[in-house]
Amino acid sequence: LILPAALTLIFFALFTAAILGIRSRVGYLLAIYLIACANVVFSFELLGLFHLLNNPAAFLGVQTLLLIITAILWWKGKRPPLLGPFTEISGIPLGELGPSLRQHPILWLLALALDLTYAVNAYLVLVVPPNNNDSLYLHMARVVKWLQTGTFLPFDSQISLQVFYPFNVQSLFFWTVLFSSSDQFVGFVQFSAAWVTVLCVYGLARQLNFSKPQAVFAALMWATFPQVFFQSTTTQNDLVPAAFMASGVYF
């Protein structure tokens, strides 16, 4: 069920972002990410009140209902383009590729190196279960408890963090486990947040009137930070709030 659930989220985010009429390409991408996350958190909180968290059909039903409502609003709102500021892009400007390679070879090498190393990280997310201390006693432990009880309401625990710690990020972890029936994809929550923060750094640099090469350099350097790189494979709780915070600062 993870594929239809993901498509429902994506189209809900696209319809909503189109309605908002965001003109910045960076802002549009960030909006899609934030809207999709908000959909999951809202559905999680709603179903948790009725002890239906462990019901994939109910979860998908709420997401589908939100999609239908948003699609109707989009249709009645003159049907703005779903791709927003990306609508006018007809293809990759190959004519600019050569000059860019010659002018900024170091940036291209850095980008290639990061793409390769983060590709390895993505592979590790798929094949290595969550195994760090934070994940085992807090983040994933809560997900399993919610699957057992069907609700996020407090439960008896010797670890108080499992009960009162904010659960926005863990609700995203929960969504992947619920619809895939495994923990194989759960690490992609932090992995995607890492790249969202990279996009935020680029966008903020452009807002501060840095050139495109300077903004790209700043974003790529951020991606090399050990805290960002190594947490991108985990189910810890730092990159997602960082992505939310950086997105808020950008907007």
Protein backbone atom coordinates (compact mmCIF):
# COMPACT_ATOMS: atom_id res chain seq x y z
CA LEU A 1 0.00 0.00 0.00
CA ILE A 2 2.96 2.34 0.25
CA LEU A 3 2.82 3.29 -3.44
CA PRO A 4 -0.85 4.45 -3.51
CA ALA A 5 -0.35 6.15 -0.14
CA ALA A 6 2.72 7.99 -1.45
CA LEU A 7 0.93 9.03 -4.66
CA THR A 8 -1.99 10.33 -2.61
CA LEU A 9 0.40 12.44 -0.54
CA ILE A 10 2.22 13.76 -3.59
CA PHE A 11 -0.92 14.82 -5.45
CA PHE A 12 -2.38 16.38 -2.31
CA ALA A 13 0.81 18.42 -1.91
CA LEU A 14 0.83 19.39 -5.60
CA PHE A 15 -2.80 20.55 -5.58
CA THR A 16 -2.27 22.53 -2.36
CA ALA A 17 0.97 24.14 -3.52
CA ALA A 18 -0.67 25.09 -6.82
CA ILE A 19 -3.55 26.74 -4.97
CA LEU A 20 -1.07 28.75 -2.88
CA GLY A 21 0.48 30.11 -6.07
CA ILE A 22 4.10 30.07 -4.90
CA ARG A 23 6.32 31.60 -7.60
CA SER A 24 9.76 30.65 -6.29
CA ARG A 25 11.02 27.25 -7.44
CA VAL A 26 12.80 26.64 -4.16
CA GLY A 27 9.72 27.73 -2.24
CA TYR A 28 7.50 25.48 -4.33
CA LEU A 29 9.61 22.40 -3.61
CA LEU A 30 9.76 23.23 0.09
CA ALA A 31 6.00 23.75 0.16
CA ILE A 32 5.39 20.32 -1.36
CA TYR A 33 7.58 18.73 1.32
CA LEU A 34 5.95 20.61 4.21
CA ILE A 35 2.42 20.01 2.95
CA ALA A 36 3.01 16.27 2.55
CA CYS A 37 4.44 16.06 6.07
CA ALA A 38 1.52 18.07 7.44
CA ASN A 39 -0.91 15.65 5.80
CA VAL A 40 0.71 12.69 7.55
CA VAL A 41 0.84 14.42 10.93
CA PHE A 42 -2.80 15.55 10.71
CA SER A 43 -4.02 12.09 9.67
CA PHE A 44 -1.92 10.53 12.43
CA GLU A 45 -3.36 12.79 15.12
CA LEU A 46 -6.93 12.38 13.91
CA LEU A 47 -6.87 8.58 13.70
CA GLY A 48 -4.92 8.26 16.94
CA LEU A 49 -7.83 9.79 18.84
CA PHE A 50 -10.08 6.97 17.61
CA HIS A 51 -7.55 4.14 18.12
CA LEU A 52 -7.32 3.59 14.36
CA LEU A 53 -3.65 4.28 13.83
CA ASN A 54 -2.87 0.66 12.99
CA ASN A 55 -5.57 0.55 10.29
CA PRO A 56 -3.93 1.26 6.89
CA ALA A 57 -7.31 1.49 5.14
CA ALA A 58 -8.48 4.20 7.56
CA PHE A 59 -5.21 6.11 7.18
CA LEU A 60 -5.39 5.94 3.39
CA GLY A 61 -9.06 6.87 3.55
CA VAL A 62 -8.32 10.10 5.43
CA GLN A 63 -5.51 10.96 3.01
CA THR A 64 -7.80 10.26 0.03
CA LEU A 65 -10.56 12.42 1.49
CA LEU A 66 -8.12 15.30 1.97
CA LEU A 67 -6.94 14.82 -1.63
CA ILE A 68 -10.51 14.92 -2.98
CA ILE A 69 -11.32 18.12 -1.05
CA THR A 70 -8.13 19.77 -2.24
CA ALA A 71 -8.69 18.68 -5.85
CA ILE A 72 -12.18 20.22 -5.77
CA LEU A 73 -10.80 23.50 -4.41
CA TRP A 74 -8.10 23.43 -7.11
CA TRP A 75 -10.70 22.81 -9.83
CA LYS A 76 -12.86 25.70 -8.63
CA GLY A 77 -9.83 27.96 -8.30
CA LYS A 78 -9.15 28.25 -12.05
CA ARG A 79 -6.93 25.15 -12.05
CA PRO A 80 -3.49 26.69 -11.59
CA PRO A 81 -0.63 24.55 -13.03
CA LEU A 82 0.34 21.71 -10.72
CA LEU A 83 4.03 22.21 -11.45
CA GLY A 84 3.84 25.87 -10.49
CA PRO A 85 7.02 27.77 -11.43
CA PHE A 86 8.43 24.65 -13.10
CA THR A 87 5.69 24.67 -15.78
CA GLU A 88 7.73 26.84 -18.15
CA ILE A 89 10.76 24.50 -18.09
CA SER A 90 10.76 22.60 -21.38
CA GLY A 91 13.89 20.53 -20.77
CA ILE A 92 17.49 20.54 -19.57
CA PRO A 93 19.41 23.48 -21.12
CA LEU A 94 22.20 21.32 -22.53
CA GLY A 95 23.80 24.32 -24.17
CA GLU A 96 24.63 25.72 -20.75
CA LEU A 97 26.13 22.49 -19.46
CA GLY A 98 29.52 22.81 -21.16
CA PRO A 99 30.24 26.40 -20.05
CA SER A 100 29.12 25.55 -16.52
CA LEU A 101 31.50 22.57 -16.38
CA ARG A 102 34.39 24.72 -17.56
CA GLN A 103 33.64 27.61 -15.21
CA HIS A 104 32.91 25.61 -12.08
CA PRO A 105 34.63 22.20 -12.31
CA ILE A 106 35.18 21.97 -8.53
CA LEU A 107 31.48 22.45 -7.85
CA TRP A 108 30.60 19.71 -10.33
CA LEU A 109 33.15 17.33 -8.79
CA LEU A 110 31.84 18.07 -5.31
CA ALA A 111 28.26 17.52 -6.44
CA LEU A 112 29.19 14.24 -8.12
CA ALA A 113 31.04 13.03 -5.02
CA LEU A 114 28.07 13.88 -2.80
CA ASP A 115 25.62 12.20 -5.16
CA LEU A 116 27.68 9.00 -5.05
CA THR A 117 28.17 8.98 -1.29
CA TYR A 118 24.53 9.77 -0.57
CA ALA A 119 23.56 7.01 -3.00
CA VAL A 120 25.52 4.66 -0.75
CA ASN A 121 23.60 6.09 2.20
CA ALA A 122 20.31 5.37 0.43
CA TYR A 123 21.43 1.77 -0.10
CA LEU A 124 22.29 1.50 3.59
CA VAL A 125 18.82 2.77 4.50
CA LEU A 126 17.33 -0.10 2.50
CA VAL A 127 19.51 -2.93 3.79
CA VAL A 128 20.47 -1.95 7.37
CA PRO A 129 17.73 -1.86 10.06
CA PRO A 130 17.57 1.09 12.47
CA ASN A 131 20.23 0.20 15.02
CA ASN A 132 21.44 3.23 16.98
CA ASN A 133 20.60 3.78 20.62
CA ASP A 134 18.12 6.65 20.11
CA SER A 135 16.17 4.66 17.55
CA LEU A 136 15.94 1.49 19.60
CA TYR A 137 14.86 2.92 22.96
CA LEU A 138 12.83 5.93 21.79
CA HIS A 139 11.95 6.63 18.16
CA MET A 140 11.24 3.17 16.77
CA ALA A 141 10.05 1.88 20.15
CA ARG A 142 7.23 4.42 20.03
CA VAL A 143 6.32 3.40 16.51
CA VAL A 144 5.97 -0.24 17.54
CA LYS A 145 3.84 0.70 20.56
CA TRP A 146 1.53 2.80 18.40
CA LEU A 147 1.16 -0.12 15.99
CA GLN A 148 0.19 -2.35 18.92
CA THR A 149 -2.31 0.02 20.53
CA GLY A 150 -3.60 1.98 17.53
CA THR A 151 -3.25 5.28 19.37
CA PHE A 152 -0.61 7.79 20.44
CA LEU A 153 -2.23 8.32 23.85
CA PRO A 154 0.12 7.90 26.85
CA PHE A 155 1.11 4.41 27.96
CA ASP A 156 3.05 2.97 30.90
CA SER A 157 6.77 3.23 30.32
CA GLN A 158 9.96 3.43 32.37
CA ILE A 159 11.33 5.87 29.77
CA SER A 160 9.39 9.10 30.10
CA LEU A 161 10.58 10.40 26.71
CA GLN A 162 8.51 7.69 25.03
CA VAL A 163 5.37 9.31 26.42
CA PHE A 164 5.80 13.09 26.28
CA TYR A 165 8.35 13.59 23.51
CA PRO A 166 6.79 15.41 20.50
CA PHE A 167 5.73 12.86 17.91
CA ASN A 168 5.62 14.83 14.65
CA VAL A 169 8.74 13.19 13.27
CA GLN A 170 7.90 9.74 14.61
CA SER A 171 4.50 9.99 12.89
CA LEU A 172 6.40 10.17 9.59
CA PHE A 173 8.40 7.08 10.61
CA PHE A 174 5.13 5.41 11.55
CA TRP A 175 3.61 6.15 8.14
CA THR A 176 6.39 4.29 6.30
CA VAL A 177 6.16 1.28 8.63
CA LEU A 178 2.36 1.15 8.48
CA PHE A 179 2.17 1.06 4.69
CA SER A 180 5.25 -1.06 4.00
CA SER A 181 4.80 -3.50 6.93
CA SER A 182 8.54 -3.20 7.58
CA ASP A 183 11.22 -0.78 8.70
CA GLN A 184 12.98 -0.89 5.32
CA PHE A 185 11.95 2.60 4.22
CA VAL A 186 11.82 4.37 7.56
CA GLY A 187 15.31 5.86 7.18
CA PHE A 188 14.23 7.81 4.12
CA VAL A 189 12.39 10.25 6.39
CA GLN A 190 15.70 11.65 7.62
CA PHE A 191 17.37 11.05 4.25
CA SER A 192 14.85 13.24 2.45
CA ALA A 193 15.05 15.86 5.21
CA ALA A 194 18.81 16.08 4.66
CA TRP A 195 18.26 17.08 1.05
CA VAL A 196 15.52 19.50 2.04
CA THR A 197 18.00 21.27 4.31
CA VAL A 198 20.45 21.40 1.40
CA LEU A 199 17.74 23.08 -0.67
CA CYS A 200 17.02 25.49 2.19
CA VAL A 201 20.67 26.53 2.42
CA TYR A 202 20.69 27.21 -1.32
CA GLY A 203 17.45 29.17 -1.13
CA LEU A 204 18.59 31.25 1.85
CA ALA A 205 21.88 32.06 0.14
CA ARG A 206 19.98 33.28 -2.91
CA GLN A 207 17.72 35.37 -0.68
CA LEU A 208 20.87 36.99 0.70
CA ASN A 209 21.88 37.90 -2.88
CA PHE A 210 24.71 35.40 -3.25
CA SER A 211 25.33 34.21 -6.81
CA LYS A 212 24.09 30.80 -7.93
CA PRO A 213 27.56 29.20 -7.78
CA GLN A 214 28.10 30.61 -4.28
CA ALA A 215 24.69 29.35 -3.16
CA VAL A 216 25.35 25.90 -4.62
CA PHE A 217 28.73 25.79 -2.88
CA ALA A 218 27.16 26.67 0.48
CA ALA A 219 24.47 24.01 0.03
CA LEU A 220 26.95 21.33 -0.97
CA MET A 221 29.25 22.18 1.92
CA TRP A 222 26.30 21.79 4.30
CA ALA A 223 25.74 18.30 2.90
CA THR A 224 29.33 17.37 3.83
CA PHE A 225 28.84 18.09 7.54
CA PRO A 226 29.21 14.78 9.45
CA GLN A 227 26.05 15.39 11.50
CA VAL A 228 24.01 15.78 8.31
CA PHE A 229 25.72 13.01 6.35
CA PHE A 230 25.61 10.30 9.00
CA GLN A 231 22.15 11.12 10.35
CA SER A 232 20.70 10.82 6.85
CA THR A 233 20.72 7.02 7.28
CA THR A 234 19.18 6.95 10.76
CA THR A 235 15.78 7.20 12.41
CA GLN A 236 16.97 9.87 14.80
CA ASN A 237 15.16 13.14 15.29
CA ASP A 238 17.33 16.05 14.19
CA LEU A 239 17.30 16.55 10.43
CA VAL A 240 13.52 16.69 10.08
CA PRO A 241 13.07 19.51 12.64
CA ALA A 242 16.04 21.22 11.00
CA ALA A 243 14.26 20.98 7.65
CA PHE A 244 11.07 22.41 9.16
CA MET A 245 12.97 25.24 10.87
CA ALA A 246 15.07 26.12 7.82
CA SER A 247 12.00 26.08 5.60
CA GLY A 248 10.24 28.43 8.00
CA VAL A 249 13.20 30.82 7.94
CA TYR A 250 13.21 30.71 4.12
CA PHE A 251 9.52 31.56 3.86
